[in-house]
Amino acid sequence: MIYELRVYTAVPGRLPDLMKRFETITLNLWQKHGIRQAGFWTTLIGPSNMELTYMLQWESLAEREAKWNAFQSDPEWISARAGTEQNGPIVDHIASSILQPTTFSAVK
C-alpha cells in the first residue's frame, strides 16, 4: 500500500469553495472511479490557513495512474470543475507526494 499526500493551497477567500467542491462533487466522482481517501484536514496552526490537505490510498503506482487519469479525464469532472470556477480559480497551487509506510508505521 502507498499513500499520496496532497496539499491544495486555495486562492485567498476561496477555501470554503474548495471544500464544498470536494464534499459535493469530487468525493462522488472518486467513488465512481474507485479512488479511496484516507482523510482530509485543514490547517489549524501552521504557516497557512488556506490549505486543504488530504491523503489517498493506493495499491500501487499503476493503480494510481490508471484511476487518477480516468478521473481527470472524466467529462463529468471537467464540467463540474469548470462550473465551480466560474468566478475564477479556487486553487492557487497543489503539492503532491507519494509516501510508502515504514516497517514500523501504524499505517501499512
N, C-alpha and C. Protein backbone atom coordinates (compact mmCIF):
# COMPACT_ATOMS: atom_id res chain seq x y z
N MET A 1 0.84 -1.17 0.00
CA MET A 1 0.00 0.00 0.00
C MET A 1 0.89 1.24 0.00
N ILE A 2 0.51 2.21 -0.80
CA ILE A 2 1.19 3.50 -0.80
C ILE A 2 0.13 4.58 -0.57
N TYR A 3 0.59 5.73 -0.16
CA TYR A 3 -0.31 6.84 0.13
C TYR A 3 0.16 8.07 -0.64
N GLU A 4 -0.81 8.86 -1.04
CA GLU A 4 -0.49 10.12 -1.71
C GLU A 4 -0.96 11.26 -0.81
N LEU A 5 -0.02 12.11 -0.46
CA LEU A 5 -0.31 13.30 0.34
C LEU A 5 -0.46 14.46 -0.63
N ARG A 6 -1.61 15.11 -0.58
CA ARG A 6 -1.87 16.25 -1.48
C ARG A 6 -2.25 17.45 -0.64
N VAL A 7 -1.62 18.57 -0.93
CA VAL A 7 -1.91 19.82 -0.22
C VAL A 7 -2.34 20.85 -1.26
N TYR A 8 -3.58 21.30 -1.12
CA TYR A 8 -4.13 22.32 -2.01
C TYR A 8 -4.09 23.65 -1.27
N THR A 9 -3.46 24.62 -1.85
CA THR A 9 -3.49 25.98 -1.31
C THR A 9 -4.53 26.75 -2.10
N ALA A 10 -5.55 27.21 -1.39
CA ALA A 10 -6.65 27.91 -2.04
C ALA A 10 -6.28 29.35 -2.35
N VAL A 11 -6.91 29.88 -3.36
CA VAL A 11 -6.84 31.31 -3.63
C VAL A 11 -7.43 32.00 -2.40
N PRO A 12 -6.86 33.12 -1.94
CA PRO A 12 -7.39 33.79 -0.74
C PRO A 12 -8.91 33.97 -0.82
N GLY A 13 -9.57 33.55 0.24
CA GLY A 13 -11.02 33.66 0.33
C GLY A 13 -11.80 32.52 -0.31
N ARG A 14 -11.11 31.57 -0.96
CA ARG A 14 -11.82 30.53 -1.71
C ARG A 14 -11.75 29.14 -1.08
N LEU A 15 -11.15 29.01 0.12
CA LEU A 15 -11.09 27.70 0.77
C LEU A 15 -12.49 27.10 0.98
N PRO A 16 -13.49 27.87 1.42
CA PRO A 16 -14.83 27.28 1.55
C PRO A 16 -15.36 26.70 0.24
N ASP A 17 -15.07 27.37 -0.88
CA ASP A 17 -15.49 26.88 -2.19
C ASP A 17 -14.78 25.58 -2.54
N LEU A 18 -13.50 25.50 -2.23
CA LEU A 18 -12.73 24.29 -2.49
C LEU A 18 -13.27 23.13 -1.67
N MET A 19 -13.53 23.38 -0.40
CA MET A 19 -14.05 22.32 0.47
C MET A 19 -15.43 21.86 0.01
N LYS A 20 -16.26 22.80 -0.41
CA LYS A 20 -17.59 22.44 -0.91
C LYS A 20 -17.47 21.58 -2.17
N ARG A 21 -16.53 21.90 -3.04
CA ARG A 21 -16.35 21.11 -4.26
C ARG A 21 -15.97 19.67 -3.92
N PHE A 22 -15.06 19.50 -2.97
CA PHE A 22 -14.70 18.13 -2.57
C PHE A 22 -15.91 17.41 -1.99
N GLU A 23 -16.60 18.08 -1.07
CA GLU A 23 -17.70 17.43 -0.35
C GLU A 23 -18.87 17.07 -1.26
N THR A 24 -19.20 17.93 -2.22
CA THR A 24 -20.41 17.73 -3.01
C THR A 24 -20.17 17.16 -4.41
N ILE A 25 -18.94 17.23 -4.91
CA ILE A 25 -18.67 16.78 -6.28
C ILE A 25 -17.57 15.73 -6.33
N THR A 26 -16.39 16.11 -5.86
CA THR A 26 -15.19 15.29 -6.06
C THR A 26 -15.32 13.91 -5.42
N LEU A 27 -15.78 13.85 -4.18
CA LEU A 27 -15.85 12.56 -3.49
C LEU A 27 -16.77 11.58 -4.21
N ASN A 28 -17.87 12.05 -4.76
CA ASN A 28 -18.77 11.18 -5.52
C ASN A 28 -18.08 10.63 -6.77
N LEU A 29 -17.33 11.48 -7.43
CA LEU A 29 -16.62 11.03 -8.63
C LEU A 29 -15.48 10.08 -8.27
N TRP A 30 -14.81 10.32 -7.15
CA TRP A 30 -13.78 9.38 -6.72
C TRP A 30 -14.40 8.01 -6.47
N GLN A 31 -15.56 7.98 -5.85
CA GLN A 31 -16.22 6.70 -5.59
C GLN A 31 -16.51 5.99 -6.92
N LYS A 32 -16.96 6.72 -7.89
CA LYS A 32 -17.24 6.17 -9.23
C LYS A 32 -15.98 5.53 -9.82
N HIS A 33 -14.82 6.15 -9.58
CA HIS A 33 -13.56 5.67 -10.16
C HIS A 33 -12.76 4.76 -9.22
N GLY A 34 -13.29 4.47 -8.04
CA GLY A 34 -12.61 3.58 -7.12
C GLY A 34 -11.43 4.21 -6.40
N ILE A 35 -11.43 5.52 -6.26
CA ILE A 35 -10.35 6.23 -5.56
C ILE A 35 -10.71 6.30 -4.08
N ARG A 36 -9.78 5.84 -3.23
CA ARG A 36 -10.03 5.76 -1.79
C ARG A 36 -9.28 6.87 -1.05
N GLN A 37 -10.02 7.67 -0.29
CA GLN A 37 -9.38 8.70 0.52
C GLN A 37 -9.10 8.14 1.90
N ALA A 38 -7.99 8.63 2.48
CA ALA A 38 -7.58 8.19 3.82
C ALA A 38 -7.75 9.30 4.85
N GLY A 39 -8.28 10.45 4.45
CA GLY A 39 -8.53 11.54 5.38
C GLY A 39 -8.32 12.90 4.75
N PHE A 40 -9.01 13.88 5.33
CA PHE A 40 -8.91 15.28 4.92
C PHE A 40 -8.66 16.13 6.15
N TRP A 41 -7.89 17.19 5.99
CA TRP A 41 -7.59 18.10 7.09
C TRP A 41 -7.48 19.53 6.59
N THR A 42 -7.82 20.47 7.45
CA THR A 42 -7.49 21.87 7.24
C THR A 42 -6.42 22.22 8.28
N THR A 43 -5.71 23.30 8.05
CA THR A 43 -4.62 23.70 8.94
C THR A 43 -5.17 24.58 10.05
N LEU A 44 -5.06 24.09 11.27
CA LEU A 44 -5.47 24.84 12.44
C LEU A 44 -4.35 25.78 12.90
N ILE A 45 -3.13 25.23 12.97
CA ILE A 45 -1.95 26.01 13.33
C ILE A 45 -0.86 25.63 12.33
N GLY A 46 -0.27 26.61 11.71
CA GLY A 46 0.78 26.35 10.73
C GLY A 46 1.00 27.57 9.87
N PRO A 47 1.81 27.41 8.84
CA PRO A 47 2.17 28.56 8.03
C PRO A 47 1.03 29.15 7.20
N SER A 48 -0.01 28.34 6.90
CA SER A 48 -1.11 28.87 6.08
C SER A 48 -2.43 28.25 6.51
N ASN A 49 -3.44 29.08 6.67
CA ASN A 49 -4.77 28.55 6.96
C ASN A 49 -5.63 28.51 5.69
N MET A 50 -4.98 28.56 4.54
CA MET A 50 -5.68 28.49 3.25
C MET A 50 -5.42 27.14 2.58
N GLU A 51 -5.08 26.12 3.38
CA GLU A 51 -4.73 24.82 2.82
C GLU A 51 -5.76 23.75 3.16
N LEU A 52 -5.98 22.87 2.20
CA LEU A 52 -6.75 21.65 2.40
C LEU A 52 -5.78 20.51 2.11
N THR A 53 -5.57 19.67 3.11
CA THR A 53 -4.63 18.57 2.99
C THR A 53 -5.42 17.26 3.03
N TYR A 54 -5.06 16.33 2.14
CA TYR A 54 -5.71 15.03 2.19
C TYR A 54 -4.75 13.95 1.74
N MET A 55 -5.15 12.70 2.05
CA MET A 55 -4.36 11.55 1.64
C MET A 55 -5.24 10.58 0.87
N LEU A 56 -4.65 10.00 -0.15
CA LEU A 56 -5.29 8.95 -0.93
C LEU A 56 -4.52 7.65 -0.71
N GLN A 57 -5.24 6.56 -0.80
CA GLN A 57 -4.66 5.24 -0.56
C GLN A 57 -4.66 4.46 -1.88
N TRP A 58 -3.49 3.92 -2.23
CA TRP A 58 -3.34 3.20 -3.49
C TRP A 58 -2.68 1.84 -3.25
N GLU A 59 -3.06 0.87 -4.05
CA GLU A 59 -2.41 -0.44 -4.01
C GLU A 59 -1.03 -0.37 -4.65
N SER A 60 -0.89 0.48 -5.67
CA SER A 60 0.36 0.57 -6.43
C SER A 60 0.38 1.86 -7.24
N LEU A 61 1.54 2.18 -7.79
CA LEU A 61 1.64 3.35 -8.67
C LEU A 61 0.83 3.12 -9.95
N ALA A 62 0.77 1.87 -10.40
CA ALA A 62 -0.01 1.57 -11.60
C ALA A 62 -1.50 1.82 -11.37
N GLU A 63 -2.00 1.43 -10.18
CA GLU A 63 -3.40 1.70 -9.86
C GLU A 63 -3.63 3.20 -9.81
N ARG A 64 -2.72 3.93 -9.18
CA ARG A 64 -2.87 5.38 -9.10
C ARG A 64 -2.96 6.00 -10.48
N GLU A 65 -2.04 5.62 -11.34
CA GLU A 65 -2.01 6.20 -12.68
C GLU A 65 -3.31 5.92 -13.43
N ALA A 66 -3.78 4.70 -13.40
CA ALA A 66 -4.99 4.33 -14.14
C ALA A 66 -6.22 5.06 -13.60
N LYS A 67 -6.41 5.01 -12.29
CA LYS A 67 -7.62 5.60 -11.71
C LYS A 67 -7.58 7.12 -11.71
N TRP A 68 -6.41 7.71 -11.44
CA TRP A 68 -6.32 9.18 -11.43
C TRP A 68 -6.53 9.74 -12.83
N ASN A 69 -5.93 9.09 -13.82
CA ASN A 69 -6.10 9.55 -15.20
C ASN A 69 -7.55 9.44 -15.65
N ALA A 70 -8.22 8.35 -15.26
CA ALA A 70 -9.63 8.18 -15.62
C ALA A 70 -10.48 9.28 -14.97
N PHE A 71 -10.20 9.58 -13.71
CA PHE A 71 -10.92 10.66 -13.02
C PHE A 71 -10.67 12.00 -13.68
N GLN A 72 -9.40 12.33 -13.93
CA GLN A 72 -9.06 13.64 -14.50
C GLN A 72 -9.66 13.85 -15.89
N SER A 73 -9.87 12.77 -16.64
CA SER A 73 -10.41 12.92 -18.00
C SER A 73 -11.93 12.68 -18.06
N ASP A 74 -12.55 12.42 -16.92
CA ASP A 74 -14.00 12.20 -16.87
C ASP A 74 -14.73 13.49 -17.25
N PRO A 75 -15.56 13.46 -18.30
CA PRO A 75 -16.27 14.67 -18.71
C PRO A 75 -17.12 15.28 -17.60
N GLU A 76 -17.65 14.44 -16.71
CA GLU A 76 -18.45 14.96 -15.59
C GLU A 76 -17.57 15.81 -14.66
N TRP A 77 -16.33 15.35 -14.41
CA TRP A 77 -15.40 16.11 -13.57
C TRP A 77 -14.99 17.41 -14.24
N ILE A 78 -14.66 17.32 -15.51
CA ILE A 78 -14.22 18.51 -16.25
C ILE A 78 -15.31 19.59 -16.23
N SER A 79 -16.55 19.18 -16.45
CA SER A 79 -17.67 20.12 -16.44
C SER A 79 -17.92 20.68 -15.04
N ALA A 80 -17.92 19.80 -14.04
CA ALA A 80 -18.19 20.24 -12.66
C ALA A 80 -17.10 21.18 -12.17
N ARG A 81 -15.85 20.85 -12.46
CA ARG A 81 -14.74 21.71 -12.03
C ARG A 81 -14.87 23.09 -12.67
N ALA A 82 -15.17 23.11 -13.96
CA ALA A 82 -15.34 24.40 -14.65
C ALA A 82 -16.48 25.20 -14.01
N GLY A 83 -17.55 24.52 -13.63
CA GLY A 83 -18.67 25.21 -13.00
C GLY A 83 -18.30 25.85 -11.68
N THR A 84 -17.40 25.19 -10.92
CA THR A 84 -17.01 25.75 -9.62
C THR A 84 -16.01 26.89 -9.77
N GLU A 85 -15.50 27.07 -10.97
CA GLU A 85 -14.51 28.13 -11.21
C GLU A 85 -15.05 29.25 -12.10
N GLN A 86 -16.37 29.36 -12.17
CA GLN A 86 -16.97 30.41 -13.00
C GLN A 86 -16.56 31.80 -12.52
N ASN A 87 -16.33 31.94 -11.22
CA ASN A 87 -15.91 33.24 -10.67
C ASN A 87 -14.41 33.33 -10.50
N GLY A 88 -13.67 32.46 -11.18
CA GLY A 88 -12.22 32.44 -11.09
C GLY A 88 -11.71 31.19 -10.41
N PRO A 89 -10.41 30.96 -10.51
CA PRO A 89 -9.82 29.76 -9.92
C PRO A 89 -10.03 29.73 -8.41
N ILE A 90 -10.11 28.50 -7.87
CA ILE A 90 -10.22 28.37 -6.42
C ILE A 90 -8.94 27.77 -5.81
N VAL A 91 -8.09 27.22 -6.67
CA VAL A 91 -6.83 26.63 -6.20
C VAL A 91 -5.66 27.44 -6.73
N ASP A 92 -4.80 27.87 -5.82
CA ASP A 92 -3.59 28.60 -6.21
C ASP A 92 -2.51 27.61 -6.68
N HIS A 93 -2.25 26.58 -5.87
CA HIS A 93 -1.31 25.54 -6.27
C HIS A 93 -1.53 24.27 -5.46
N ILE A 94 -0.96 23.18 -6.01
CA ILE A 94 -1.11 21.85 -5.42
C ILE A 94 0.28 21.25 -5.25
N ALA A 95 0.52 20.65 -4.08
CA ALA A 95 1.74 19.88 -3.85
C ALA A 95 1.32 18.43 -3.62
N SER A 96 2.06 17.51 -4.21
CA SER A 96 1.73 16.09 -4.10
C SER A 96 2.99 15.29 -3.80
N SER A 97 2.86 14.34 -2.86
CA SER A 97 3.96 13.43 -2.54
C SER A 97 3.40 12.02 -2.45
N ILE A 98 4.16 11.06 -2.95
CA ILE A 98 3.80 9.65 -2.82
C ILE A 98 4.60 9.09 -1.66
N LEU A 99 3.91 8.51 -0.68
CA LEU A 99 4.54 8.05 0.55
C LEU A 99 4.43 6.53 0.67
N GLN A 100 5.46 5.93 1.20
CA GLN A 100 5.49 4.49 1.44
C GLN A 100 5.65 4.27 2.94
N PRO A 101 4.77 3.49 3.58
CA PRO A 101 4.90 3.26 5.01
C PRO A 101 6.21 2.54 5.36
N THR A 102 6.76 2.90 6.50
CA THR A 102 7.94 2.21 7.00
C THR A 102 7.50 0.89 7.64
N THR A 103 8.46 0.05 7.96
CA THR A 103 8.13 -1.23 8.60
C THR A 103 7.54 -1.04 9.99
N PHE A 104 7.82 0.11 10.62
CA PHE A 104 7.32 0.36 11.98
C PHE A 104 6.13 1.30 12.00
N SER A 105 5.55 1.61 10.87
CA SER A 105 4.40 2.51 10.78
C SER A 105 3.13 1.82 11.29
N ALA A 106 2.30 2.56 12.02
CA ALA A 106 0.99 2.04 12.43
C ALA A 106 0.07 1.88 11.23
N VAL A 107 0.31 2.66 10.19
CA VAL A 107 -0.46 2.57 8.95
C VAL A 107 0.38 1.80 7.96
N LYS A 108 -0.18 0.75 7.40
CA LYS A 108 0.54 -0.09 6.43
C LYS A 108 0.00 0.11 5.04
